[in-house]
Amino acid sequence: MPYKPKHIEKLYYSISEVSKMFTVAPSLIRFWEGEFDSLKPKKNSNGNRQFTKTDIEQIRLIYHLVKEKGYTLSGAKDVLKSGTNKPHSKMEVVNSLEKVKGFLLELKKNLA
């Protein structure tokens, strides 16, 4: 049986990697870090931010509320402080539907 290497995921992502994920400037992520108490990435000995998957999920939720849903910063903070999973679960549904759409479009392309 041949050896299959496992996919190794990174534990930490740099601010430039995270900013590319969301197509926003690194300065916006630094700004959000100051505005949202729940976003606290670790910093290495050089002071560079190291974002975990949990941090990225938090940014994804902030991005969804502010950029996609049009919430103000204070409105997004209120939603996050309320502790409801409603925005998070809606975001998960949208992400799942986008994956299904991509799969169906790829299938349609292959059938044509």
PDB file of N, CA and C in Angstrom:
ATOM      1  N   MET A   1       0.839  -1.169   0.000  1.00  0.00           N
ATOM      2  CA  MET A   1       0.000   0.000   0.000  1.00  0.00           C
ATOM      3  C   MET A   1       0.893   1.243   0.000  1.00  0.00           C
ATOM      4  N   PRO A   2       0.736   2.120  -1.005  1.00  0.00           N
ATOM      5  CA  PRO A   2       1.617   3.290  -1.084  1.00  0.00           C
ATOM      6  C   PRO A   2       1.322   4.288   0.019  1.00  0.00           C
ATOM      7  N   TYR A   3       2.368   5.015   0.386  1.00  0.00           N
ATOM      8  CA  TYR A   3       2.262   6.026   1.426  1.00  0.00           C
ATOM      9  C   TYR A   3       1.561   7.258   0.863  1.00  0.00           C
ATOM     10  N   LYS A   4       0.556   7.742   1.551  1.00  0.00           N
ATOM     11  CA  LYS A   4      -0.142   8.962   1.154  1.00  0.00           C
ATOM     12  C   LYS A   4       0.110  10.009   2.235  1.00  0.00           C
ATOM     13  N   PRO A   5       0.824  11.075   1.882  1.00  0.00           N
ATOM     14  CA  PRO A   5       1.057  12.106   2.901  1.00  0.00           C
ATOM     15  C   PRO A   5      -0.249  12.797   3.269  1.00  0.00           C
ATOM     16  N   LYS A   6      -0.371  13.092   4.548  1.00  0.00           N
ATOM     17  CA  LYS A   6      -1.560  13.789   5.016  1.00  0.00           C
ATOM     18  C   LYS A   6      -1.432  15.266   4.708  1.00  0.00           C
ATOM     19  N   HIS A   7      -2.557  15.881   4.459  1.00  0.00           N
ATOM     20  CA  HIS A   7      -2.585  17.327   4.236  1.00  0.00           C
ATOM     21  C   HIS A   7      -2.345  18.014   5.572  1.00  0.00           C
ATOM     22  N   ILE A   8      -1.282  18.775   5.637  1.00  0.00           N
ATOM     23  CA  ILE A   8      -0.945  19.474   6.877  1.00  0.00           C
ATOM     24  C   ILE A   8      -1.442  20.907   6.760  1.00  0.00           C
ATOM     25  N   GLU A   9      -2.259  21.287   7.701  1.00  0.00           N
ATOM     26  CA  GLU A   9      -2.767  22.648   7.719  1.00  0.00           C
ATOM     27  C   GLU A   9      -1.910  23.496   8.622  1.00  0.00           C
ATOM     28  N   LYS A  10      -1.810  24.747   8.279  1.00  0.00           N
ATOM     29  CA  LYS A  10      -1.018  25.667   9.077  1.00  0.00           C
ATOM     30  C   LYS A  10      -1.719  25.967  10.394  1.00  0.00           C
ATOM     31  N   LEU A  11      -0.921  26.178  11.429  1.00  0.00           N
ATOM     32  CA  LEU A  11      -1.486  26.574  12.717  1.00  0.00           C
ATOM     33  C   LEU A  11      -1.686  28.074  12.782  1.00  0.00           C
ATOM     34  N   TYR A  12      -0.797  28.819  12.124  1.00  0.00           N
ATOM     35  CA  TYR A  12      -0.839  30.274  12.169  1.00  0.00           C
ATOM     36  C   TYR A  12      -0.740  30.865  10.774  1.00  0.00           C
ATOM     37  N   TYR A  13      -1.444  31.950  10.583  1.00  0.00           N
ATOM     38  CA  TYR A  13      -1.424  32.677   9.310  1.00  0.00           C
ATOM     39  C   TYR A  13      -0.987  34.109   9.580  1.00  0.00           C
ATOM     40  N   SER A  14      -0.223  34.675   8.656  1.00  0.00           N
ATOM     41  CA  SER A  14       0.223  36.060   8.794  1.00  0.00           C
ATOM     42  C   SER A  14      -0.919  37.005   8.431  1.00  0.00           C
ATOM     43  N   ILE A  15      -0.758  38.263   8.777  1.00  0.00           N
ATOM     44  CA  ILE A  15      -1.794  39.248   8.471  1.00  0.00           C
ATOM     45  C   ILE A  15      -1.941  39.422   6.965  1.00  0.00           C
ATOM     46  N   SER A  16      -0.845  39.283   6.216  1.00  0.00           N
ATOM     47  CA  SER A  16      -0.952  39.414   4.756  1.00  0.00           C
ATOM     48  C   SER A  16      -1.738  38.247   4.160  1.00  0.00           C
ATOM     49  N   GLU A  17      -1.554  37.043   4.697  1.00  0.00           N
ATOM     50  CA  GLU A  17      -2.328  35.893   4.220  1.00  0.00           C
ATOM     51  C   GLU A  17      -3.812  36.076   4.526  1.00  0.00           C
ATOM     52  N   VAL A  18      -4.102  36.547   5.725  1.00  0.00           N
ATOM     53  CA  VAL A  18      -5.494  36.743   6.131  1.00  0.00           C
ATOM     54  C   VAL A  18      -6.132  37.851   5.299  1.00  0.00           C
ATOM     55  N   SER A  19      -5.397  38.930   5.066  1.00  0.00           N
ATOM     56  CA  SER A  19      -5.962  40.033   4.273  1.00  0.00           C
ATOM     57  C   SER A  19      -6.249  39.581   2.846  1.00  0.00           C
ATOM     58  N   LYS A  20      -5.427  38.689   2.308  1.00  0.00           N
ATOM     59  CA  LYS A  20      -5.687  38.151   0.956  1.00  0.00           C
ATOM     60  C   LYS A  20      -6.918  37.255   0.940  1.00  0.00           C
ATOM     61  N   MET A  21      -7.148  36.513   2.028  1.00  0.00           N
ATOM     62  CA  MET A  21      -8.324  35.645   2.110  1.00  0.00           C
ATOM     63  C   MET A  21      -9.613  36.446   1.961  1.00  0.00           C
ATOM     64  N   PHE A  22      -9.606  37.657   2.513  1.00  0.00           N
ATOM     65  CA  PHE A  22     -10.820  38.481   2.533  1.00  0.00           C
ATOM     66  C   PHE A  22     -10.749  39.656   1.565  1.00  0.00           C
ATOM     67  N   THR A  23      -9.666  39.739   0.818  1.00  0.00           N
ATOM     68  CA  THR A  23      -9.424  40.850  -0.125  1.00  0.00           C
ATOM     69  C   THR A  23      -9.672  42.210   0.533  1.00  0.00           C
ATOM     70  N   VAL A  24      -9.041  42.382   1.684  1.00  0.00           N
ATOM     71  CA  VAL A  24      -9.079  43.660   2.395  1.00  0.00           C
ATOM     72  C   VAL A  24      -7.638  44.037   2.730  1.00  0.00           C
ATOM     73  N   ALA A  25      -7.436  45.281   3.057  1.00  0.00           N
ATOM     74  CA  ALA A  25      -6.108  45.757   3.434  1.00  0.00           C
ATOM     75  C   ALA A  25      -5.745  45.250   4.833  1.00  0.00           C
ATOM     76  N   PRO A  26      -4.472  44.953   5.065  1.00  0.00           N
ATOM     77  CA  PRO A  26      -4.055  44.551   6.410  1.00  0.00           C
ATOM     78  C   PRO A  26      -4.413  45.589   7.473  1.00  0.00           C
ATOM     79  N   SER A  27      -4.423  46.853   7.081  1.00  0.00           N
ATOM     80  CA  SER A  27      -4.764  47.902   8.049  1.00  0.00           C
ATOM     81  C   SER A  27      -6.202  47.748   8.552  1.00  0.00           C
ATOM     82  N   LEU A  28      -7.115  47.246   7.712  1.00  0.00           N
ATOM     83  CA  LEU A  28      -8.493  47.033   8.150  1.00  0.00           C
ATOM     84  C   LEU A  28      -8.551  45.930   9.210  1.00  0.00           C
ATOM     85  N   ILE A  29      -7.774  44.892   9.017  1.00  0.00           N
ATOM     86  CA  ILE A  29      -7.751  43.808  10.002  1.00  0.00           C
ATOM     87  C   ILE A  29      -7.158  44.301  11.319  1.00  0.00           C
ATOM     88  N   ARG A  30      -6.112  45.110  11.246  1.00  0.00           N
ATOM     89  CA  ARG A  30      -5.546  45.692  12.462  1.00  0.00           C
ATOM     90  C   ARG A  30      -6.576  46.601  13.147  1.00  0.00           C
ATOM     91  N   PHE A  31      -7.338  47.346  12.343  1.00  0.00           N
ATOM     92  CA  PHE A  31      -8.384  48.212  12.888  1.00  0.00           C
ATOM     93  C   PHE A  31      -9.446  47.375  13.588  1.00  0.00           C
ATOM     94  N   TRP A  32      -9.915  46.315  12.936  1.00  0.00           N
ATOM     95  CA  TRP A  32     -10.919  45.443  13.546  1.00  0.00           C
ATOM     96  C   TRP A  32     -10.393  44.829  14.838  1.00  0.00           C
ATOM     97  N   GLU A  33      -9.110  44.520  14.869  1.00  0.00           N
ATOM     98  CA  GLU A  33      -8.510  43.952  16.077  1.00  0.00           C
ATOM     99  C   GLU A  33      -8.669  44.912  17.255  1.00  0.00           C
ATOM    100  N   GLY A  34      -8.528  46.199  16.985  1.00  0.00           N
ATOM    101  CA  GLY A  34      -8.698  47.194  18.040  1.00  0.00           C
ATOM    102  C   GLY A  34     -10.152  47.422  18.415  1.00  0.00           C
ATOM    103  N   GLU A  35     -11.055  47.187  17.492  1.00  0.00           N
ATOM    104  CA  GLU A  35     -12.479  47.453  17.718  1.00  0.00           C
ATOM    105  C   GLU A  35     -13.229  46.284  18.356  1.00  0.00           C
ATOM    106  N   PHE A  36     -12.836  45.058  18.039  1.00  0.00           N
ATOM    107  CA  PHE A  36     -13.563  43.876  18.496  1.00  0.00           C
ATOM    108  C   PHE A  36     -12.721  43.127  19.522  1.00  0.00           C
ATOM    109  N   ASP A  37     -13.233  43.054  20.744  1.00  0.00           N
ATOM    110  CA  ASP A  37     -12.516  42.388  21.838  1.00  0.00           C
ATOM    111  C   ASP A  37     -12.278  40.907  21.568  1.00  0.00           C
ATOM    112  N   SER A  38     -13.142  40.295  20.782  1.00  0.00           N
ATOM    113  CA  SER A  38     -13.033  38.862  20.531  1.00  0.00           C
ATOM    114  C   SER A  38     -11.919  38.523  19.542  1.00  0.00           C
ATOM    115  N   LEU A  39     -11.348  39.520  18.911  1.00  0.00           N
ATOM    116  CA  LEU A  39     -10.290  39.288  17.925  1.00  0.00           C
ATOM    117  C   LEU A  39      -8.945  39.674  18.537  1.00  0.00           C
ATOM    118  N   LYS A  40      -8.221  38.681  19.013  1.00  0.00           N
ATOM    119  CA  LYS A  40      -6.924  38.910  19.655  1.00  0.00           C
ATOM    120  C   LYS A  40      -5.906  37.889  19.145  1.00  0.00           C
ATOM    121  N   PRO A  41      -5.298  38.140  17.978  1.00  0.00           N
ATOM    122  CA  PRO A  41      -4.295  37.189  17.486  1.00  0.00           C
ATOM    123  C   PRO A  41      -3.042  37.208  18.354  1.00  0.00           C
ATOM    124  N   LYS A  42      -2.342  36.095  18.348  1.00  0.00           N
ATOM    125  CA  LYS A  42      -1.079  36.023  19.076  1.00  0.00           C
ATOM    126  C   LYS A  42      -0.040  36.839  18.315  1.00  0.00           C
ATOM    127  N   LYS A  43       0.986  37.239  19.013  1.00  0.00           N
ATOM    128  CA  LYS A  43       2.092  37.944  18.359  1.00  0.00           C
ATOM    129  C   LYS A  43       3.375  37.188  18.672  1.00  0.00           C
ATOM    130  N   ASN A  44       4.233  37.053  17.641  1.00  0.00           N
ATOM    131  CA  ASN A  44       5.501  36.364  17.864  1.00  0.00           C
ATOM    132  C   ASN A  44       6.507  37.310  18.498  1.00  0.00           C
ATOM    133  N   SER A  45       7.722  36.851  18.668  1.00  0.00           N
ATOM    134  CA  SER A  45       8.737  37.661  19.348  1.00  0.00           C
ATOM    135  C   SER A  45       9.068  38.946  18.593  1.00  0.00           C
ATOM    136  N   ASN A  46       8.810  38.976  17.293  1.00  0.00           N
ATOM    137  CA  ASN A  46       9.037  40.184  16.491  1.00  0.00           C
ATOM    138  C   ASN A  46       7.825  41.112  16.495  1.00  0.00           C
ATOM    139  N   GLY A  47       6.739  40.696  17.128  1.00  0.00           N
ATOM    140  CA  GLY A  47       5.531  41.507  17.161  1.00  0.00           C
ATOM    141  C   GLY A  47       4.598  41.279  15.987  1.00  0.00           C
ATOM    142  N   ASN A  48       4.916  40.297  15.140  1.00  0.00           N
ATOM    143  CA  ASN A  48       4.043  39.991  13.999  1.00  0.00           C
ATOM    144  C   ASN A  48       2.833  39.194  14.470  1.00  0.00           C
ATOM    145  N   ARG A  49       1.675  39.545  13.943  1.00  0.00           N
ATOM    146  CA  ARG A  49       0.443  38.868  14.326  1.00  0.00           C
ATOM    147  C   ARG A  49       0.415  37.471  13.722  1.00  0.00           C
ATOM    148  N   GLN A  50      -0.077  36.518  14.520  1.00  0.00           N
ATOM    149  CA  GLN A  50      -0.233  35.146  14.077  1.00  0.00           C
ATOM    150  C   GLN A  50      -1.688  34.748  14.310  1.00  0.00           C
ATOM    151  N   PHE A  51      -2.417  34.583  13.216  1.00  0.00           N
ATOM    152  CA  PHE A  51      -3.846  34.302  13.283  1.00  0.00           C
ATOM    153  C   PHE A  51      -4.098  32.799  13.244  1.00  0.00           C
ATOM    154  N   THR A  52      -4.923  32.324  14.165  1.00  0.00           N
ATOM    155  CA  THR A  52      -5.331  30.920  14.194  1.00  0.00           C
ATOM    156  C   THR A  52      -6.620  30.772  13.378  1.00  0.00           C
ATOM    157  N   LYS A  53      -7.055  29.531  13.219  1.00  0.00           N
ATOM    158  CA  LYS A  53      -8.328  29.292  12.521  1.00  0.00           C
ATOM    159  C   LYS A  53      -9.483  29.956  13.264  1.00  0.00           C
ATOM    160  N   THR A  54      -9.419  29.975  14.580  1.00  0.00           N
ATOM    161  CA  THR A  54     -10.462  30.624  15.380  1.00  0.00           C
ATOM    162  C   THR A  54     -10.487  32.122  15.091  1.00  0.00           C
ATOM    163  N   ASP A  55      -9.311  32.736  15.005  1.00  0.00           N
ATOM    164  CA  ASP A  55      -9.232  34.163  14.670  1.00  0.00           C
ATOM    165  C   ASP A  55      -9.815  34.417  13.278  1.00  0.00           C
ATOM    166  N   ILE A  56      -9.497  33.542  12.346  1.00  0.00           N
ATOM    167  CA  ILE A  56      -9.979  33.708  10.972  1.00  0.00           C
ATOM    168  C   ILE A  56     -11.493  33.560  10.908  1.00  0.00           C
ATOM    169  N   GLU A  57     -12.041  32.634  11.684  1.00  0.00           N
ATOM    170  CA  GLU A  57     -13.503  32.491  11.734  1.00  0.00           C
ATOM    171  C   GLU A  57     -14.146  33.746  12.316  1.00  0.00           C
ATOM    172  N   GLN A  58     -13.504  34.330  13.313  1.00  0.00           N
ATOM    173  CA  GLN A  58     -14.015  35.571  13.900  1.00  0.00           C
ATOM    174  C   GLN A  58     -13.976  36.700  12.864  1.00  0.00           C
ATOM    175  N   ILE A  59     -12.893  36.780  12.104  1.00  0.00           N
ATOM    176  CA  ILE A  59     -12.791  37.791  11.044  1.00  0.00           C
ATOM    177  C   ILE A  59     -13.842  37.537   9.980  1.00  0.00           C
ATOM    178  N   ARG A  60     -14.059  36.267   9.653  1.00  0.00           N
ATOM    179  CA  ARG A  60     -15.085  35.922   8.652  1.00  0.00           C
ATOM    180  C   ARG A  60     -16.459  36.411   9.103  1.00  0.00           C
ATOM    181  N   LEU A  61     -16.753  36.260  10.375  1.00  0.00           N
ATOM    182  CA  LEU A  61     -18.038  36.706  10.906  1.00  0.00           C
ATOM    183  C   LEU A  61     -18.128  38.233  10.899  1.00  0.00           C
ATOM    184  N   ILE A  62     -17.055  38.901  11.308  1.00  0.00           N
ATOM    185  CA  ILE A  62     -17.027  40.369  11.281  1.00  0.00           C
ATOM    186  C   ILE A  62     -17.176  40.863   9.847  1.00  0.00           C
ATOM    187  N   TYR A  63     -16.447  40.250   8.933  1.00  0.00           N
ATOM    188  CA  TYR A  63     -16.519  40.626   7.522  1.00  0.00           C
ATOM    189  C   TYR A  63     -17.943  40.461   6.998  1.00  0.00           C
ATOM    190  N   HIS A  64     -18.559  39.340   7.341  1.00  0.00           N
ATOM    191  CA  HIS A  64     -19.931  39.070   6.898  1.00  0.00           C
ATOM    192  C   HIS A  64     -20.895  40.141   7.401  1.00  0.00           C
ATOM    193  N   LEU A  65     -20.778  40.468   8.669  1.00  0.00           N
ATOM    194  CA  LEU A  65     -21.696  41.451   9.247  1.00  0.00           C
ATOM    195  C   LEU A  65     -21.461  42.850   8.689  1.00  0.00           C
ATOM    196  N   VAL A  66     -20.199  43.265   8.607  1.00  0.00           N
ATOM    197  CA  VAL A  66     -19.881  44.642   8.221  1.00  0.00           C
ATOM    198  C   VAL A  66     -19.906  44.836   6.707  1.00  0.00           C
ATOM    199  N   LYS A  67     -19.249  43.964   5.978  1.00  0.00           N
ATOM    200  CA  LYS A  67     -19.094  44.163   4.533  1.00  0.00           C
ATOM    201  C   LYS A  67     -20.267  43.609   3.721  1.00  0.00           C
ATOM    202  N   GLU A  68     -20.784  42.459   4.123  1.00  0.00           N
ATOM    203  CA  GLU A  68     -21.840  41.833   3.334  1.00  0.00           C
ATOM    204  C   GLU A  68     -23.242  42.238   3.787  1.00  0.00           C
ATOM    205  N   LYS A  69     -23.440  42.349   5.083  1.00  0.00           N
ATOM    206  CA  LYS A  69     -24.763  42.685   5.600  1.00  0.00           C
ATOM    207  C   LYS A  69     -24.943  44.174   5.844  1.00  0.00           C
ATOM    208  N   GLY A  70     -23.853  44.939   5.843  1.00  0.00           N
ATOM    209  CA  GLY A  70     -23.945  46.380   5.976  1.00  0.00           C
ATOM    210  C   GLY A  70     -24.125  46.902   7.394  1.00  0.00           C
ATOM    211  N   TYR A  71     -23.779  46.103   8.386  1.00  0.00           N
ATOM    212  CA  TYR A  71     -23.876  46.556   9.769  1.00  0.00           C
ATOM    213  C   TYR A  71     -22.828  47.640  10.025  1.00  0.00           C
ATOM    214  N   THR A  72     -23.163  48.553  10.923  1.00  0.00           N
ATOM    215  CA  THR A  72     -22.153  49.484  11.422  1.00  0.00           C
ATOM    216  C   THR A  72     -21.266  48.703  12.391  1.00  0.00           C
ATOM    217  N   LEU A  73     -20.134  49.289  12.764  1.00  0.00           N
ATOM    218  CA  LEU A  73     -19.263  48.599  13.719  1.00  0.00           C
ATOM    219  C   LEU A  73     -19.967  48.370  15.047  1.00  0.00           C
ATOM    220  N   SER A  74     -20.695  49.373  15.514  1.00  0.00           N
ATOM    221  CA  SER A  74     -21.397  49.199  16.796  1.00  0.00           C
ATOM    222  C   SER A  74     -22.504  48.157  16.660  1.00  0.00           C
ATOM    223  N   GLY A  75     -23.167  48.123  15.515  1.00  0.00           N
ATOM    224  CA  GLY A  75     -24.203  47.111  15.292  1.00  0.00           C
ATOM    225  C   GLY A  75     -23.620  45.711  15.261  1.00  0.00           C
ATOM    226  N   ALA A  76     -22.477  45.566  14.602  1.00  0.00           N
ATOM    227  CA  ALA A  76     -21.815  44.259  14.543  1.00  0.00           C
ATOM    228  C   ALA A  76     -21.347  43.833  15.936  1.00  0.00           C
ATOM    229  N   LYS A  77     -20.839  44.793  16.717  1.00  0.00           N
ATOM    230  CA  LYS A  77     -20.415  44.487  18.089  1.00  0.00           C
ATOM    231  C   LYS A  77     -21.605  44.001  18.910  1.00  0.00           C
ATOM    232  N   ASP A  78     -22.758  44.661  18.744  1.00  0.00           N
ATOM    233  CA  ASP A  78     -23.960  44.255  19.486  1.00  0.00           C
ATOM    234  C   ASP A  78     -24.369  42.837  19.124  1.00  0.00           C
ATOM    235  N   VAL A  79     -24.320  42.520  17.837  1.00  0.00           N
ATOM    236  CA  VAL A  79     -24.690  41.170  17.393  1.00  0.00           C
ATOM    237  C   VAL A  79     -23.734  40.148  17.990  1.00  0.00           C
ATOM    238  N   LEU A  80     -22.436  40.456  17.964  1.00  0.00           N
ATOM    239  CA  LEU A  80     -21.451  39.515  18.507  1.00  0.00           C
ATOM    240  C   LEU A  80     -21.573  39.377  20.017  1.00  0.00           C
ATOM    241  N   LYS A  81     -21.898  40.475  20.706  1.00  0.00           N
ATOM    242  CA  LYS A  81     -22.044  40.430  22.168  1.00  0.00           C
ATOM    243  C   LYS A  81     -23.305  39.703  22.595  1.00  0.00           C
ATOM    244  N   SER A  82     -24.333  39.719  21.731  1.00  0.00           N
ATOM    245  CA  SER A  82     -25.593  39.062  22.089  1.00  0.00           C
ATOM    246  C   SER A  82     -25.418  37.555  22.206  1.00  0.00           C
ATOM    247  N   GLY A  83     -24.376  37.029  21.555  1.00  0.00           N
ATOM    248  CA  GLY A  83     -24.072  35.615  21.693  1.00  0.00           C
ATOM    249  C   GLY A  83     -24.961  34.693  20.890  1.00  0.00           C
ATOM    250  N   THR A  84     -25.821  35.232  20.066  1.00  0.00           N
ATOM    251  CA  THR A  84     -26.668  34.358  19.259  1.00  0.00           C
ATOM    252  C   THR A  84     -25.854  33.796  18.103  1.00  0.00           C
ATOM    253  N   ASN A  85     -26.191  32.608  17.698  1.00  0.00           N
ATOM    254  CA  ASN A  85     -25.505  31.968  16.571  1.00  0.00           C
ATOM    255  C   ASN A  85     -26.186  32.273  15.250  1.00  0.00           C
ATOM    256  N   LYS A  86     -27.207  33.106  15.269  1.00  0.00           N
ATOM    257  CA  LYS A  86     -27.984  33.361  14.067  1.00  0.00           C
ATOM    258  C   LYS A  86     -27.124  33.851  12.901  1.00  0.00           C
ATOM    259  N   PRO A  87     -26.275  34.884  13.067  1.00  0.00           N
ATOM    260  CA  PRO A  87     -25.472  35.317  11.928  1.00  0.00           C
ATOM    261  C   PRO A  87     -24.480  34.259  11.488  1.00  0.00           C
ATOM    262  N   HIS A  88     -23.935  33.536  12.462  1.00  0.00           N
ATOM    263  CA  HIS A  88     -22.950  32.512  12.133  1.00  0.00           C
ATOM    264  C   HIS A  88     -23.592  31.380  11.353  1.00  0.00           C
ATOM    265  N   SER A  89     -24.767  30.916  11.787  1.00  0.00           N
ATOM    266  CA  SER A  89     -25.420  29.814  11.095  1.00  0.00           C
ATOM    267  C   SER A  89     -25.908  30.239   9.716  1.00  0.00           C
ATOM    268  N   LYS A  90     -26.373  31.482   9.566  1.00  0.00           N
ATOM    269  CA  LYS A  90     -26.760  31.965   8.239  1.00  0.00           C
ATOM    270  C   LYS A  90     -25.552  31.999   7.313  1.00  0.00           C
ATOM    271  N   MET A  91     -24.427  32.432   7.850  1.00  0.00           N
ATOM    272  CA  MET A  91     -23.215  32.495   7.058  1.00  0.00           C
ATOM    273  C   MET A  91     -22.791  31.092   6.616  1.00  0.00           C
ATOM    274  N   GLU A  92     -22.937  30.114   7.501  1.00  0.00           N
ATOM    275  CA  GLU A  92     -22.609  28.733   7.154  1.00  0.00           C
ATOM    276  C   GLU A  92     -23.517  28.217   6.045  1.00  0.00           C
ATOM    277  N   VAL A  93     -24.788  28.560   6.095  1.00  0.00           N
ATOM    278  CA  VAL A  93     -25.732  28.140   5.062  1.00  0.00           C
ATOM    279  C   VAL A  93     -25.337  28.760   3.722  1.00  0.00           C
ATOM    280  N   VAL A  94     -25.009  30.035   3.717  1.00  0.00           N
ATOM    281  CA  VAL A  94     -24.601  30.707   2.483  1.00  0.00           C
ATOM    282  C   VAL A  94     -23.340  30.065   1.924  1.00  0.00           C
ATOM    283  N   ASN A  95     -22.367  29.781   2.781  1.00  0.00           N
ATOM    284  CA  ASN A  95     -21.130  29.139   2.333  1.00  0.00           C
ATOM    285  C   ASN A  95     -21.399  27.767   1.740  1.00  0.00           C
ATOM    286  N   SER A  96     -22.279  26.993   2.378  1.00  0.00           N
ATOM    287  CA  SER A  96     -22.627  25.670   1.865  1.00  0.00           C
ATOM    288  C   SER A  96     -23.309  25.768   0.508  1.00  0.00           C
ATOM    289  N   LEU A  97     -24.216  26.716   0.382  1.00  0.00           N
ATOM    290  CA  LEU A  97     -24.913  26.889  -0.892  1.00  0.00           C
ATOM    291  C   LEU A  97     -23.950  27.325  -2.001  1.00  0.00           C
ATOM    292  N   GLU A  98     -22.980  28.156  -1.661  1.00  0.00           N
ATOM    293  CA  GLU A  98     -21.990  28.568  -2.657  1.00  0.00           C
ATOM    294  C   GLU A  98     -21.151  27.386  -3.115  1.00  0.00           C
ATOM    295  N   LYS A  99     -20.813  26.480  -2.195  1.00  0.00           N
ATOM    296  CA  LYS A  99     -20.061  25.280  -2.566  1.00  0.00           C
ATOM    297  C   LYS A  99     -20.886  24.398  -3.494  1.00  0.00           C
ATOM    298  N   VAL A 100     -22.171  24.230  -3.173  1.00  0.00           N
ATOM    299  CA  VAL A 100     -23.054  23.420  -4.015  1.00  0.00           C
ATOM    300  C   VAL A 100     -23.181  24.052  -5.396  1.00  0.00           C
ATOM    301  N   LYS A 101     -23.337  25.364  -5.444  1.00  0.00           N
ATOM    302  CA  LYS A 101     -23.439  26.072  -6.714  1.00  0.00           C
ATOM    303  C   LYS A 101     -22.181  25.848  -7.553  1.00  0.00           C
ATOM    304  N   GLY A 102     -21.011  25.965  -6.916  1.00  0.00           N
ATOM    305  CA  GLY A 102     -19.758  25.740  -7.625  1.00  0.00           C
ATOM    306  C   GLY A 102     -19.659  24.331  -8.174  1.00  0.00           C
ATOM    307  N   PHE A 103     -20.076  23.358  -7.360  1.00  0.00           N
ATOM    308  CA  PHE A 103     -20.059  21.971  -7.801  1.00  0.00           C
ATOM    309  C   PHE A 103     -20.985  21.766  -8.991  1.00  0.00           C
ATOM    310  N   LEU A 104     -22.199  22.331  -8.923  1.00  0.00           N
ATOM    311  CA  LEU A 104     -23.163  22.173 -10.014  1.00  0.00           C
ATOM    312  C   LEU A 104     -22.689  22.852 -11.290  1.00  0.00           C
ATOM    313  N   LEU A 105     -22.082  24.031 -11.163  1.00  0.00           N
ATOM    314  CA  LEU A 105     -21.554  24.717 -12.348  1.00  0.00           C
ATOM    315  C   LEU A 105     -20.421  23.911 -12.982  1.00  0.00           C
ATOM    316  N   GLU A 106     -19.576  23.326 -12.151  1.00  0.00           N
ATOM    317  CA  GLU A 106     -18.485  22.506 -12.667  1.00  0.00           C
ATOM    318  C   GLU A 106     -19.043  21.255 -13.353  1.00  0.00           C
ATOM    319  N   LEU A 107     -20.060  20.657 -12.766  1.00  0.00           N
ATOM    320  CA  LEU A 107     -20.708  19.492 -13.357  1.00  0.00           C
ATOM    321  C   LEU A 107     -21.344  19.845 -14.693  1.00  0.00           C
ATOM    322  N   LYS A 108     -22.021  20.978 -14.760  1.00  0.00           N
ATOM    323  CA  LYS A 108     -22.646  21.445 -16.006  1.00  0.00           C
ATOM    324  C   LYS A 108     -21.590  21.658 -17.075  1.00  0.00           C
ATOM    325  N   LYS A 109     -20.461  22.240 -16.691  1.00  0.00           N
ATOM    326  CA  LYS A 109     -19.363  22.502 -17.632  1.00  0.00           C
ATOM    327  C   LYS A 109     -18.808  21.182 -18.184  1.00  0.00           C
ATOM    328  N   ASN A 110     -18.693  20.188 -17.325  1.00  0.00           N
ATOM    329  CA  ASN A 110     -18.148  18.900 -17.747  1.00  0.00           C
ATOM    330  C   ASN A 110     -19.124  18.129 -18.637  1.00  0.00           C
ATOM    331  N   LEU A 111     -20.410  18.365 -18.444  1.00  0.00           N
ATOM    332  CA  LEU A 111     -21.409  17.671 -19.243  1.00  0.00           C
ATOM    333  C   LEU A 111     -21.581  18.294 -20.623  1.00  0.00           C
ATOM    334  N   ALA A 112     -21.247  19.569 -20.734  1.00  0.00           N
ATOM    335  CA  ALA A 112     -21.443  20.277 -22.010  1.00  0.00           C
ATOM    336  C   ALA A 112     -20.401  19.907 -23.038  1.00  0.00           C
TER     337      ALA A 112
END
